[in-house]
N, C-alpha and C. Protein backbone atom coordinates (compact mmCIF):
# COMPACT_ATOMS: atom_id res chain seq x y z
N MET A 1 0.84 -1.19 0.00
CA MET A 1 0.00 0.00 0.00
C MET A 1 0.88 1.24 0.00
N LYS A 2 0.53 2.20 -0.81
CA LYS A 2 1.31 3.42 -0.89
C LYS A 2 1.07 4.28 0.34
N GLN A 3 2.07 5.05 0.70
CA GLN A 3 1.94 6.01 1.79
C GLN A 3 1.99 7.41 1.24
N THR A 4 1.14 8.26 1.79
CA THR A 4 1.13 9.66 1.36
C THR A 4 2.38 10.35 1.86
N GLN A 5 3.05 11.07 0.97
CA GLN A 5 4.25 11.80 1.34
C GLN A 5 3.92 13.28 1.45
N THR A 6 4.42 13.91 2.51
CA THR A 6 4.25 15.34 2.69
C THR A 6 5.57 16.03 2.42
N HIS A 7 5.54 16.96 1.51
CA HIS A 7 6.75 17.69 1.14
C HIS A 7 6.64 19.11 1.66
N TRP A 8 7.75 19.66 2.08
CA TRP A 8 7.79 21.06 2.50
C TRP A 8 8.21 21.91 1.32
N LEU A 9 7.59 23.05 1.23
CA LEU A 9 7.85 23.97 0.12
C LEU A 9 8.73 25.11 0.60
N ALA A 10 9.83 25.31 -0.08
CA ALA A 10 10.68 26.48 0.19
C ALA A 10 10.65 27.36 -1.03
N ILE A 11 10.04 28.52 -0.88
CA ILE A 11 9.90 29.43 -2.02
C ILE A 11 11.01 30.46 -1.97
N VAL A 12 11.73 30.57 -3.04
CA VAL A 12 12.77 31.59 -3.16
C VAL A 12 12.35 32.55 -4.26
N VAL A 13 12.12 33.77 -3.88
CA VAL A 13 11.73 34.77 -4.86
C VAL A 13 13.00 35.26 -5.55
N LEU A 14 13.21 34.82 -6.78
CA LEU A 14 14.42 35.18 -7.51
C LEU A 14 14.30 36.53 -8.18
N GLY A 15 13.01 36.98 -8.34
CA GLY A 15 12.84 38.30 -8.96
C GLY A 15 11.87 38.22 -10.11
N ALA A 16 11.58 39.34 -10.72
CA ALA A 16 10.68 39.41 -11.86
C ALA A 16 11.19 40.43 -12.85
N LEU A 17 11.12 40.05 -14.13
CA LEU A 17 11.47 40.97 -15.19
C LEU A 17 10.16 41.54 -15.71
N SER A 18 9.97 42.86 -15.56
CA SER A 18 8.69 43.48 -15.86
C SER A 18 8.85 44.55 -16.92
N ALA A 19 7.85 44.61 -17.80
CA ALA A 19 7.79 45.70 -18.77
C ALA A 19 6.43 46.36 -18.61
N ALA A 20 6.37 47.55 -18.11
CA ALA A 20 5.11 48.23 -17.83
C ALA A 20 4.72 49.11 -19.01
N VAL A 21 3.44 49.14 -19.29
CA VAL A 21 2.94 50.04 -20.31
C VAL A 21 2.88 51.44 -19.74
N SER A 22 2.66 52.44 -20.58
CA SER A 22 2.73 53.83 -20.13
C SER A 22 1.72 54.15 -19.04
N ALA A 23 0.61 53.40 -19.00
CA ALA A 23 -0.41 53.64 -17.98
C ALA A 23 0.10 53.38 -16.58
N HIS A 24 1.19 52.60 -16.45
CA HIS A 24 1.72 52.27 -15.14
C HIS A 24 2.91 53.16 -14.77
N ALA A 25 3.25 54.12 -15.60
CA ALA A 25 4.47 54.90 -15.38
C ALA A 25 4.41 55.70 -14.09
N SER A 26 3.21 56.09 -13.64
CA SER A 26 3.08 56.92 -12.45
C SER A 26 3.06 56.12 -11.16
N LEU A 27 3.07 54.79 -11.24
CA LEU A 27 3.01 53.96 -10.05
C LEU A 27 4.37 53.89 -9.37
N SER A 28 4.34 53.75 -8.05
CA SER A 28 5.58 53.59 -7.28
C SER A 28 6.13 52.18 -7.48
N ASP A 29 7.37 51.98 -7.02
CA ASP A 29 7.97 50.64 -7.11
C ASP A 29 7.14 49.62 -6.35
N ALA A 30 6.61 50.03 -5.18
CA ALA A 30 5.80 49.11 -4.38
C ALA A 30 4.51 48.73 -5.10
N GLU A 31 3.85 49.70 -5.74
CA GLU A 31 2.61 49.40 -6.45
C GLU A 31 2.88 48.55 -7.69
N LEU A 32 3.99 48.80 -8.38
CA LEU A 32 4.35 47.96 -9.53
C LEU A 32 4.64 46.53 -9.08
N ALA A 33 5.29 46.38 -7.93
CA ALA A 33 5.56 45.04 -7.40
C ALA A 33 4.26 44.31 -7.10
N LYS A 34 3.28 45.02 -6.52
CA LYS A 34 1.99 44.42 -6.23
C LYS A 34 1.28 44.02 -7.52
N LEU A 35 1.36 44.86 -8.54
CA LEU A 35 0.73 44.54 -9.81
C LEU A 35 1.35 43.30 -10.43
N ALA A 36 2.67 43.14 -10.28
CA ALA A 36 3.34 41.96 -10.82
C ALA A 36 2.96 40.69 -10.07
N GLN A 37 2.43 40.82 -8.84
CA GLN A 37 1.98 39.66 -8.07
C GLN A 37 0.59 39.19 -8.47
N ASN A 38 -0.07 39.93 -9.33
CA ASN A 38 -1.40 39.59 -9.81
C ASN A 38 -1.29 38.65 -11.00
N PRO A 39 -1.74 37.39 -10.88
CA PRO A 39 -1.62 36.44 -12.00
C PRO A 39 -2.39 36.86 -13.25
N VAL A 40 -3.36 37.78 -13.09
CA VAL A 40 -4.12 38.26 -14.25
C VAL A 40 -3.98 39.78 -14.37
N GLY A 41 -2.84 40.31 -13.96
CA GLY A 41 -2.60 41.74 -14.05
C GLY A 41 -2.27 42.19 -15.45
N ASN A 42 -2.54 43.46 -15.75
CA ASN A 42 -2.26 44.03 -17.07
C ASN A 42 -0.81 44.51 -17.12
N LEU A 43 0.10 43.55 -16.96
CA LEU A 43 1.52 43.86 -16.90
C LEU A 43 2.31 42.63 -17.33
N ILE A 44 3.22 42.80 -18.25
CA ILE A 44 4.10 41.70 -18.64
C ILE A 44 5.09 41.45 -17.51
N SER A 45 5.18 40.21 -17.06
CA SER A 45 6.14 39.88 -16.00
C SER A 45 6.65 38.46 -16.21
N ILE A 46 7.82 38.18 -15.68
CA ILE A 46 8.41 36.84 -15.76
C ILE A 46 8.91 36.46 -14.37
N PRO A 47 8.02 36.03 -13.49
CA PRO A 47 8.47 35.61 -12.16
C PRO A 47 9.13 34.24 -12.19
N PHE A 48 10.06 34.04 -11.26
CA PHE A 48 10.72 32.76 -11.06
C PHE A 48 10.37 32.26 -9.66
N GLN A 49 9.91 31.02 -9.57
CA GLN A 49 9.55 30.45 -8.27
C GLN A 49 10.30 29.13 -8.10
N ASN A 50 11.08 29.04 -7.03
CA ASN A 50 11.86 27.83 -6.77
C ASN A 50 11.22 27.02 -5.65
N ASN A 51 10.84 25.78 -5.95
CA ASN A 51 10.21 24.89 -4.98
C ASN A 51 11.17 23.77 -4.63
N THR A 52 11.55 23.67 -3.36
CA THR A 52 12.41 22.59 -2.89
C THR A 52 11.59 21.64 -2.05
N ASN A 53 11.47 20.40 -2.50
CA ASN A 53 10.65 19.39 -1.83
C ASN A 53 11.55 18.34 -1.20
N PHE A 54 11.34 18.09 0.09
CA PHE A 54 12.17 17.15 0.84
C PHE A 54 11.46 15.80 0.97
N ASN A 55 12.24 14.77 1.28
CA ASN A 55 11.73 13.41 1.52
C ASN A 55 10.98 12.87 0.31
N VAL A 56 11.59 13.02 -0.86
CA VAL A 56 10.98 12.55 -2.11
C VAL A 56 11.53 11.17 -2.46
N GLY A 57 10.64 10.26 -2.84
CA GLY A 57 11.06 8.94 -3.30
C GLY A 57 11.38 7.99 -2.16
N PRO A 58 11.71 6.76 -2.51
CA PRO A 58 11.96 5.73 -1.48
C PRO A 58 13.17 6.03 -0.61
N ASP A 59 14.10 6.86 -1.11
CA ASP A 59 15.30 7.18 -0.33
C ASP A 59 15.19 8.52 0.39
N ASP A 60 14.00 9.14 0.37
CA ASP A 60 13.76 10.41 1.07
C ASP A 60 14.79 11.47 0.70
N ARG A 61 14.93 11.70 -0.58
CA ARG A 61 15.90 12.68 -1.05
C ARG A 61 15.19 13.99 -1.42
N THR A 62 15.97 14.94 -1.95
CA THR A 62 15.45 16.29 -2.21
C THR A 62 15.23 16.51 -3.70
N GLN A 63 14.06 17.03 -4.02
CA GLN A 63 13.71 17.39 -5.40
C GLN A 63 13.68 18.91 -5.50
N ASN A 64 14.12 19.43 -6.63
CA ASN A 64 14.07 20.88 -6.83
C ASN A 64 13.36 21.19 -8.15
N ILE A 65 12.41 22.14 -8.10
CA ILE A 65 11.68 22.55 -9.29
C ILE A 65 11.72 24.07 -9.38
N LEU A 66 12.33 24.57 -10.42
CA LEU A 66 12.33 26.01 -10.70
C LEU A 66 11.26 26.28 -11.75
N ASN A 67 10.21 27.00 -11.36
CA ASN A 67 9.13 27.35 -12.28
C ASN A 67 9.38 28.73 -12.88
N ILE A 68 9.52 28.77 -14.19
CA ILE A 68 9.60 30.04 -14.92
C ILE A 68 8.20 30.34 -15.43
N GLN A 69 7.63 31.50 -15.06
CA GLN A 69 6.20 31.73 -15.23
C GLN A 69 5.90 33.05 -15.94
N PRO A 70 6.16 33.16 -17.23
CA PRO A 70 5.85 34.40 -17.93
C PRO A 70 4.34 34.66 -17.98
N VAL A 71 3.97 35.91 -17.70
CA VAL A 71 2.57 36.35 -17.76
C VAL A 71 2.49 37.45 -18.81
N ILE A 72 1.62 37.25 -19.82
CA ILE A 72 1.51 38.20 -20.93
C ILE A 72 0.04 38.57 -21.12
N PRO A 73 -0.33 39.85 -20.91
CA PRO A 73 -1.72 40.28 -21.08
C PRO A 73 -2.00 40.76 -22.50
N GLY A 74 -3.26 40.68 -22.87
CA GLY A 74 -3.72 41.22 -24.14
C GLY A 74 -5.14 41.73 -23.98
N SER A 75 -5.52 42.72 -24.77
CA SER A 75 -6.84 43.33 -24.65
C SER A 75 -7.81 42.74 -25.66
N VAL A 76 -9.01 42.37 -25.19
CA VAL A 76 -10.08 41.94 -26.08
C VAL A 76 -10.89 43.15 -26.52
N ASN A 77 -11.29 43.97 -25.54
CA ASN A 77 -11.98 45.23 -25.79
C ASN A 77 -11.82 46.09 -24.53
N ASN A 78 -12.62 47.12 -24.40
CA ASN A 78 -12.50 48.01 -23.24
C ASN A 78 -12.90 47.35 -21.93
N ASP A 79 -13.62 46.24 -22.02
CA ASP A 79 -14.15 45.60 -20.81
C ASP A 79 -13.40 44.34 -20.40
N TRP A 80 -12.72 43.69 -21.34
CA TRP A 80 -12.14 42.38 -21.05
C TRP A 80 -10.70 42.27 -21.54
N ASN A 81 -9.91 41.54 -20.76
CA ASN A 81 -8.54 41.20 -21.13
C ASN A 81 -8.38 39.68 -21.21
N ILE A 82 -7.44 39.25 -22.02
CA ILE A 82 -6.98 37.86 -22.02
C ILE A 82 -5.55 37.87 -21.48
N ILE A 83 -5.31 37.09 -20.45
CA ILE A 83 -3.98 37.02 -19.85
C ILE A 83 -3.48 35.59 -19.96
N THR A 84 -2.34 35.40 -20.60
CA THR A 84 -1.76 34.07 -20.69
C THR A 84 -0.71 33.90 -19.60
N ARG A 85 -0.73 32.74 -18.98
CA ARG A 85 0.23 32.40 -17.93
C ARG A 85 0.81 31.03 -18.26
N THR A 86 2.11 30.97 -18.45
CA THR A 86 2.80 29.75 -18.81
C THR A 86 3.74 29.35 -17.68
N VAL A 87 3.68 28.09 -17.29
CA VAL A 87 4.58 27.58 -16.25
C VAL A 87 5.53 26.58 -16.89
N ILE A 88 6.82 26.91 -16.89
CA ILE A 88 7.85 26.06 -17.47
C ILE A 88 8.69 25.51 -16.32
N PRO A 89 8.54 24.22 -15.98
CA PRO A 89 9.28 23.67 -14.83
C PRO A 89 10.65 23.13 -15.23
N VAL A 90 11.68 23.60 -14.54
CA VAL A 90 13.03 23.06 -14.69
C VAL A 90 13.28 22.19 -13.46
N ILE A 91 13.43 20.89 -13.67
CA ILE A 91 13.36 19.91 -12.58
C ILE A 91 14.71 19.23 -12.37
N SER A 92 15.05 19.07 -11.10
CA SER A 92 16.15 18.19 -10.70
C SER A 92 15.56 17.09 -9.83
N GLN A 93 15.42 15.90 -10.42
CA GLN A 93 14.68 14.80 -9.81
C GLN A 93 15.65 13.75 -9.27
N PRO A 94 15.53 13.36 -7.99
CA PRO A 94 16.41 12.31 -7.47
C PRO A 94 16.14 10.98 -8.15
N ALA A 95 17.22 10.25 -8.43
CA ALA A 95 17.15 8.94 -9.07
C ALA A 95 17.90 7.95 -8.20
N PRO A 96 17.74 6.65 -8.46
CA PRO A 96 18.43 5.65 -7.63
C PRO A 96 19.95 5.80 -7.67
N VAL A 97 20.59 5.26 -6.65
CA VAL A 97 22.05 5.18 -6.55
C VAL A 97 22.68 6.57 -6.61
N ASP A 98 22.14 7.49 -5.84
CA ASP A 98 22.71 8.84 -5.70
C ASP A 98 22.81 9.60 -7.01
N ASP A 99 22.04 9.22 -8.00
CA ASP A 99 22.04 9.92 -9.29
C ASP A 99 20.87 10.89 -9.33
N ARG A 100 20.84 11.76 -10.34
CA ARG A 100 19.75 12.71 -10.52
C ARG A 100 19.40 12.80 -12.00
N THR A 101 18.13 13.10 -12.27
CA THR A 101 17.67 13.39 -13.63
C THR A 101 17.30 14.86 -13.69
N ASN A 102 17.93 15.59 -14.59
CA ASN A 102 17.71 17.03 -14.72
C ASN A 102 17.13 17.34 -16.10
N GLY A 103 16.17 18.26 -16.14
CA GLY A 103 15.59 18.63 -17.43
C GLY A 103 14.32 19.44 -17.26
N ILE A 104 13.54 19.48 -18.34
CA ILE A 104 12.29 20.24 -18.39
C ILE A 104 11.11 19.29 -18.18
N GLY A 105 10.15 19.71 -17.37
CA GLY A 105 8.93 18.95 -17.19
C GLY A 105 7.86 19.38 -18.18
N ASP A 106 6.63 18.99 -17.92
CA ASP A 106 5.51 19.36 -18.80
C ASP A 106 5.14 20.83 -18.59
N VAL A 107 5.04 21.57 -19.67
CA VAL A 107 4.63 22.97 -19.62
C VAL A 107 3.12 23.06 -19.41
N VAL A 108 2.69 23.97 -18.55
CA VAL A 108 1.26 24.21 -18.31
C VAL A 108 0.94 25.63 -18.77
N PHE A 109 0.02 25.72 -19.73
CA PHE A 109 -0.37 27.01 -20.33
C PHE A 109 -1.82 27.31 -19.98
N THR A 110 -2.07 28.52 -19.46
CA THR A 110 -3.43 28.95 -19.10
C THR A 110 -3.74 30.28 -19.76
N ALA A 111 -4.96 30.42 -20.27
CA ALA A 111 -5.43 31.69 -20.84
C ALA A 111 -6.64 32.14 -20.03
N PHE A 112 -6.48 33.21 -19.25
CA PHE A 112 -7.55 33.71 -18.39
C PHE A 112 -8.30 34.85 -19.07
N LEU A 113 -9.63 34.80 -19.03
CA LEU A 113 -10.47 35.93 -19.37
C LEU A 113 -10.76 36.68 -18.08
N SER A 114 -10.44 38.00 -18.05
CA SER A 114 -10.55 38.76 -16.81
C SER A 114 -11.07 40.16 -17.11
N PRO A 115 -11.87 40.76 -16.21
CA PRO A 115 -12.34 42.13 -16.42
C PRO A 115 -11.18 43.11 -16.56
N ALA A 116 -11.31 44.04 -17.49
CA ALA A 116 -10.25 45.02 -17.72
C ALA A 116 -10.20 46.08 -16.63
N ASN A 117 -11.34 46.31 -15.96
CA ASN A 117 -11.40 47.35 -14.92
C ASN A 117 -11.99 46.76 -13.64
N PRO A 118 -11.26 45.89 -12.96
CA PRO A 118 -11.81 45.23 -11.78
C PRO A 118 -11.79 46.16 -10.57
N GLY A 119 -12.49 45.74 -9.53
CA GLY A 119 -12.45 46.46 -8.26
C GLY A 119 -11.36 45.89 -7.37
N LYS A 120 -11.63 45.88 -6.06
CA LYS A 120 -10.65 45.33 -5.13
C LYS A 120 -10.50 43.83 -5.30
N TRP A 121 -11.60 43.17 -5.67
CA TRP A 121 -11.54 41.74 -5.94
C TRP A 121 -11.34 41.53 -7.44
N ILE A 122 -10.40 40.68 -7.78
CA ILE A 122 -10.03 40.43 -9.18
C ILE A 122 -10.19 38.94 -9.45
N TRP A 123 -10.68 38.60 -10.64
CA TRP A 123 -10.85 37.19 -10.97
C TRP A 123 -10.53 36.95 -12.44
N GLY A 124 -10.30 35.68 -12.75
CA GLY A 124 -10.08 35.27 -14.13
C GLY A 124 -10.43 33.80 -14.28
N VAL A 125 -10.99 33.44 -15.43
CA VAL A 125 -11.33 32.04 -15.72
C VAL A 125 -10.87 31.73 -17.14
N GLY A 126 -10.59 30.45 -17.38
CA GLY A 126 -10.18 30.07 -18.72
C GLY A 126 -9.67 28.65 -18.78
N PRO A 127 -9.26 28.20 -19.96
CA PRO A 127 -8.76 26.84 -20.13
C PRO A 127 -7.30 26.73 -19.71
N VAL A 128 -6.94 25.54 -19.25
CA VAL A 128 -5.54 25.22 -18.96
C VAL A 128 -5.15 24.01 -19.82
N VAL A 129 -3.96 24.07 -20.40
CA VAL A 129 -3.47 23.01 -21.28
C VAL A 129 -2.14 22.50 -20.73
N GLN A 130 -2.04 21.19 -20.58
CA GLN A 130 -0.75 20.58 -20.23
C GLN A 130 -0.10 20.06 -21.50
N ILE A 131 1.13 20.51 -21.75
CA ILE A 131 1.85 20.21 -22.99
C ILE A 131 2.99 19.26 -22.67
N PRO A 132 3.06 18.09 -23.34
CA PRO A 132 4.09 17.10 -23.01
C PRO A 132 5.48 17.50 -23.53
N THR A 133 6.12 18.38 -22.81
CA THR A 133 7.45 18.87 -23.19
C THR A 133 8.56 18.21 -22.37
N ASN A 134 8.23 17.21 -21.56
CA ASN A 134 9.22 16.61 -20.67
C ASN A 134 10.39 16.02 -21.45
N THR A 135 11.59 16.32 -20.99
CA THR A 135 12.81 15.86 -21.66
C THR A 135 13.23 14.47 -21.21
N ASP A 136 12.56 13.93 -20.19
CA ASP A 136 12.82 12.56 -19.72
C ASP A 136 11.52 11.99 -19.20
N ASP A 137 11.36 10.67 -19.32
CA ASP A 137 10.10 10.05 -18.92
C ASP A 137 9.74 10.32 -17.46
N VAL A 138 10.74 10.41 -16.58
CA VAL A 138 10.45 10.59 -15.16
C VAL A 138 10.07 12.02 -14.82
N LEU A 139 10.19 12.94 -15.77
CA LEU A 139 9.93 14.35 -15.51
C LEU A 139 8.54 14.80 -15.96
N GLY A 140 7.73 13.90 -16.51
CA GLY A 140 6.41 14.31 -16.95
C GLY A 140 5.66 13.17 -17.61
N ASN A 141 4.56 13.53 -18.26
CA ASN A 141 3.68 12.58 -18.93
C ASN A 141 3.68 12.87 -20.42
N GLY A 142 3.61 11.83 -21.24
CA GLY A 142 3.68 12.01 -22.68
C GLY A 142 2.38 12.38 -23.35
N ASN A 143 1.30 12.57 -22.58
CA ASN A 143 -0.01 12.85 -23.15
C ASN A 143 -0.45 14.29 -22.88
N TRP A 144 -1.11 14.88 -23.87
CA TRP A 144 -1.66 16.22 -23.71
C TRP A 144 -2.80 16.19 -22.69
N GLY A 145 -3.04 17.34 -22.04
CA GLY A 145 -4.14 17.45 -21.09
C GLY A 145 -4.87 18.77 -21.24
N LEU A 146 -6.12 18.81 -20.77
CA LEU A 146 -6.96 20.00 -20.90
C LEU A 146 -7.92 20.07 -19.72
N GLY A 147 -8.25 21.29 -19.29
CA GLY A 147 -9.20 21.45 -18.21
C GLY A 147 -9.50 22.91 -17.93
N PRO A 148 -10.26 23.20 -16.86
CA PRO A 148 -10.60 24.58 -16.48
C PRO A 148 -9.64 25.13 -15.43
N SER A 149 -9.54 26.45 -15.37
CA SER A 149 -8.71 27.10 -14.36
C SER A 149 -9.42 28.36 -13.86
N LEU A 150 -9.16 28.71 -12.60
CA LEU A 150 -9.79 29.86 -11.96
C LEU A 150 -8.78 30.53 -11.04
N VAL A 151 -8.77 31.85 -11.02
CA VAL A 151 -7.98 32.59 -10.05
C VAL A 151 -8.84 33.71 -9.47
N VAL A 152 -8.76 33.90 -8.16
CA VAL A 152 -9.45 34.98 -7.45
C VAL A 152 -8.45 35.59 -6.48
N LEU A 153 -8.38 36.92 -6.44
CA LEU A 153 -7.47 37.57 -5.50
C LEU A 153 -8.01 38.94 -5.10
N ARG A 154 -7.45 39.46 -4.02
CA ARG A 154 -7.77 40.81 -3.57
C ARG A 154 -6.50 41.65 -3.61
N LEU A 155 -6.56 42.76 -4.32
CA LEU A 155 -5.44 43.68 -4.46
C LEU A 155 -5.99 45.09 -4.36
N GLU A 156 -5.54 45.83 -3.35
CA GLU A 156 -6.09 47.15 -3.07
C GLU A 156 -4.96 48.17 -2.94
N LYS A 157 -5.07 49.28 -3.63
CA LYS A 157 -4.05 50.32 -3.56
C LYS A 157 -3.95 50.85 -2.13
N GLY A 158 -2.72 50.95 -1.63
CA GLY A 158 -2.49 51.41 -0.27
C GLY A 158 -2.50 50.31 0.77
N ASN A 159 -2.95 49.12 0.40
CA ASN A 159 -2.96 47.97 1.31
C ASN A 159 -1.76 47.08 1.00
N PRO A 160 -0.88 46.80 1.97
CA PRO A 160 0.32 46.01 1.67
C PRO A 160 0.05 44.54 1.41
N TRP A 161 -1.16 44.07 1.73
CA TRP A 161 -1.47 42.64 1.57
C TRP A 161 -2.05 42.35 0.19
N VAL A 162 -1.58 41.27 -0.41
CA VAL A 162 -2.16 40.72 -1.63
C VAL A 162 -2.41 39.24 -1.36
N TYR A 163 -3.65 38.79 -1.55
CA TYR A 163 -3.93 37.38 -1.26
C TYR A 163 -5.00 36.86 -2.20
N GLY A 164 -4.97 35.53 -2.40
CA GLY A 164 -5.93 34.92 -3.30
C GLY A 164 -5.65 33.44 -3.45
N VAL A 165 -6.25 32.85 -4.48
CA VAL A 165 -6.08 31.42 -4.72
C VAL A 165 -6.18 31.15 -6.21
N LEU A 166 -5.38 30.21 -6.68
CA LEU A 166 -5.43 29.73 -8.06
C LEU A 166 -5.74 28.24 -8.03
N ALA A 167 -6.64 27.78 -8.89
CA ALA A 167 -7.01 26.37 -8.91
C ALA A 167 -7.24 25.92 -10.35
N ASN A 168 -6.94 24.65 -10.61
CA ASN A 168 -7.25 24.07 -11.91
C ASN A 168 -7.40 22.56 -11.80
N ASN A 169 -7.92 21.96 -12.84
CA ASN A 169 -7.98 20.49 -12.95
C ASN A 169 -7.72 20.13 -14.40
N VAL A 170 -6.84 19.15 -14.61
CA VAL A 170 -6.43 18.78 -15.96
C VAL A 170 -6.68 17.29 -16.18
N TRP A 171 -7.40 16.97 -17.26
CA TRP A 171 -7.62 15.60 -17.68
C TRP A 171 -6.77 15.30 -18.92
N SER A 172 -6.18 14.12 -18.97
CA SER A 172 -5.43 13.73 -20.17
C SER A 172 -6.38 13.52 -21.34
N LEU A 173 -5.94 13.89 -22.53
CA LEU A 173 -6.75 13.74 -23.73
C LEU A 173 -6.59 12.36 -24.36
N SER A 174 -5.61 11.60 -23.92
CA SER A 174 -5.42 10.23 -24.39
C SER A 174 -4.58 9.50 -23.36
N ASN A 175 -4.41 8.20 -23.56
CA ASN A 175 -3.50 7.42 -22.71
C ASN A 175 -2.53 6.63 -23.57
N ASP A 176 -2.27 7.15 -24.77
CA ASP A 176 -1.47 6.41 -25.74
C ASP A 176 0.02 6.45 -25.44
N GLU A 177 0.50 7.58 -24.90
CA GLU A 177 1.93 7.77 -24.74
C GLU A 177 2.40 7.38 -23.33
N GLN A 178 3.70 7.57 -23.10
CA GLN A 178 4.31 7.26 -21.81
C GLN A 178 3.57 7.97 -20.68
N GLY A 179 3.34 7.27 -19.59
CA GLY A 179 2.68 7.85 -18.43
C GLY A 179 1.20 7.53 -18.34
N GLY A 180 0.54 7.23 -19.46
CA GLY A 180 -0.86 6.87 -19.44
C GLY A 180 -1.78 8.04 -19.12
N SER A 181 -3.03 7.73 -18.79
CA SER A 181 -4.03 8.76 -18.52
C SER A 181 -3.79 9.40 -17.15
N TYR A 182 -4.34 10.60 -16.96
CA TYR A 182 -4.24 11.28 -15.68
C TYR A 182 -5.44 12.19 -15.48
N ASN A 183 -5.71 12.50 -14.23
CA ASN A 183 -6.77 13.42 -13.83
C ASN A 183 -6.28 14.12 -12.57
N ASN A 184 -5.66 15.29 -12.75
CA ASN A 184 -4.94 15.95 -11.66
C ASN A 184 -5.54 17.31 -11.35
N GLY A 185 -5.72 17.59 -10.07
CA GLY A 185 -6.16 18.90 -9.62
C GLY A 185 -5.05 19.63 -8.89
N LEU A 186 -5.15 20.96 -8.86
CA LEU A 186 -4.17 21.79 -8.17
C LEU A 186 -4.89 22.96 -7.52
N ILE A 187 -4.49 23.28 -6.29
CA ILE A 187 -4.96 24.49 -5.64
C ILE A 187 -3.75 25.17 -4.98
N GLN A 188 -3.61 26.46 -5.22
CA GLN A 188 -2.45 27.21 -4.74
C GLN A 188 -2.90 28.54 -4.12
N PRO A 189 -3.13 28.58 -2.81
CA PRO A 189 -3.38 29.86 -2.16
C PRO A 189 -2.08 30.66 -2.08
N PHE A 190 -2.20 31.98 -2.09
CA PHE A 190 -1.00 32.81 -1.95
C PHE A 190 -1.30 34.01 -1.06
N LEU A 191 -0.29 34.39 -0.29
CA LEU A 191 -0.40 35.51 0.64
C LEU A 191 0.91 36.28 0.58
N ASN A 192 0.84 37.55 0.20
CA ASN A 192 2.03 38.40 0.05
C ASN A 192 1.91 39.63 0.95
N TYR A 193 3.04 40.02 1.54
CA TYR A 193 3.10 41.28 2.28
C TYR A 193 4.17 42.15 1.64
N ASN A 194 3.79 43.38 1.28
CA ASN A 194 4.66 44.27 0.53
C ASN A 194 5.27 45.35 1.42
N PHE A 195 6.57 45.58 1.22
CA PHE A 195 7.29 46.64 1.90
C PHE A 195 7.52 47.80 0.93
N GLN A 196 7.97 48.91 1.45
CA GLN A 196 8.31 50.04 0.59
C GLN A 196 9.51 49.68 -0.30
N GLY A 197 9.52 50.23 -1.50
CA GLY A 197 10.63 50.01 -2.40
C GLY A 197 10.49 48.81 -3.30
N GLY A 198 9.37 48.08 -3.21
CA GLY A 198 9.13 46.96 -4.11
C GLY A 198 9.52 45.60 -3.57
N LEU A 199 10.02 45.51 -2.33
CA LEU A 199 10.33 44.22 -1.73
C LEU A 199 9.07 43.64 -1.09
N TYR A 200 8.96 42.29 -1.09
CA TYR A 200 7.80 41.66 -0.47
C TYR A 200 8.14 40.25 -0.03
N LEU A 201 7.37 39.78 0.95
CA LEU A 201 7.42 38.40 1.41
C LEU A 201 6.21 37.66 0.86
N THR A 202 6.40 36.39 0.50
CA THR A 202 5.30 35.63 -0.08
C THR A 202 5.25 34.23 0.49
N SER A 203 4.05 33.72 0.68
CA SER A 203 3.81 32.32 1.01
C SER A 203 2.83 31.77 -0.01
N SER A 204 3.20 30.65 -0.65
CA SER A 204 2.38 30.14 -1.74
C SER A 204 2.45 28.61 -1.80
N PRO A 205 1.89 27.92 -0.80
CA PRO A 205 1.93 26.45 -0.81
C PRO A 205 1.10 25.88 -1.94
N ILE A 206 1.51 24.73 -2.44
CA ILE A 206 0.82 24.06 -3.54
C ILE A 206 0.29 22.72 -3.05
N ALA A 207 -1.00 22.46 -3.27
CA ALA A 207 -1.59 21.16 -2.98
C ALA A 207 -2.10 20.56 -4.28
N THR A 208 -1.71 19.33 -4.57
CA THR A 208 -2.16 18.65 -5.78
C THR A 208 -2.91 17.38 -5.40
N VAL A 209 -3.81 16.98 -6.27
CA VAL A 209 -4.57 15.75 -6.05
C VAL A 209 -4.57 14.93 -7.34
N ASN A 210 -4.28 13.66 -7.20
CA ASN A 210 -4.34 12.70 -8.30
C ASN A 210 -5.61 11.88 -8.12
N TRP A 211 -6.65 12.22 -8.89
CA TRP A 211 -7.95 11.59 -8.71
C TRP A 211 -7.96 10.12 -9.12
N GLU A 212 -6.92 9.67 -9.82
CA GLU A 212 -6.86 8.27 -10.25
C GLU A 212 -6.01 7.42 -9.31
N ALA A 213 -5.46 8.01 -8.25
CA ALA A 213 -4.61 7.28 -7.32
C ALA A 213 -5.47 6.54 -6.29
N ASP A 214 -4.81 5.66 -5.53
CA ASP A 214 -5.48 5.01 -4.42
C ASP A 214 -5.94 6.05 -3.41
N SER A 215 -6.96 5.72 -2.64
CA SER A 215 -7.56 6.69 -1.74
C SER A 215 -6.58 7.21 -0.69
N ASP A 216 -5.56 6.42 -0.34
CA ASP A 216 -4.61 6.86 0.69
C ASP A 216 -3.47 7.68 0.12
N SER A 217 -3.45 7.90 -1.20
CA SER A 217 -2.35 8.68 -1.81
C SER A 217 -2.89 9.69 -2.80
N LEU A 218 -4.12 10.18 -2.55
CA LEU A 218 -4.72 11.16 -3.45
C LEU A 218 -3.98 12.48 -3.42
N PHE A 219 -3.65 12.96 -2.23
CA PHE A 219 -3.17 14.33 -2.07
C PHE A 219 -1.67 14.37 -1.90
N ASP A 220 -1.09 15.44 -2.44
CA ASP A 220 0.34 15.68 -2.32
C ASP A 220 0.54 17.16 -2.04
N ASN A 221 1.01 17.49 -0.86
CA ASN A 221 1.24 18.88 -0.48
C ASN A 221 2.70 19.23 -0.71
N GLN A 222 2.93 20.32 -1.44
CA GLN A 222 4.30 20.73 -1.73
C GLN A 222 4.62 22.01 -0.97
């Protein structure tokens, strides 16, 4: 019988490369930093998130995943925006006999439809696509996947707190390739506190669920 493994998440904020449109030119560094923390914000950003997971595999070793997450907004009309969010995982996976497998995992692409002029509460909905880009069999699944995604957050000018949640569920479109079929859910709450000058602290634990797993190994907390 499988045992559920609990992994601890260590988030290292490596920084963000941002290109602001002229409408954001009057914002302070702190307000620009808050805008970059919005997954459906009207700002091009490329955040890097490093997740270090302990006690992975039968030998309880350490796994490292660097997520490169470019966010690119586009305008549909005066009322609606389309924001694309791509997650490119660079993985260092422990392997037997003190070896490691390093490479790219499956890319996850999401396109959110979001109001162009939101209030304090901001939301976005849209499709999520899992793309089989894994460079090694142990780093991903060979089948395409598709499902829904949702993000809700609160971001208020003058308030140092930014908080919300992102969730999705992805079903495999076939089971023909390596890895077989899958039905995976993800929920990621996030809580950020912003300081003057654009610095901030963030907590963003990730919980995943494999709906096709045995009942005692459904959930995986990272």
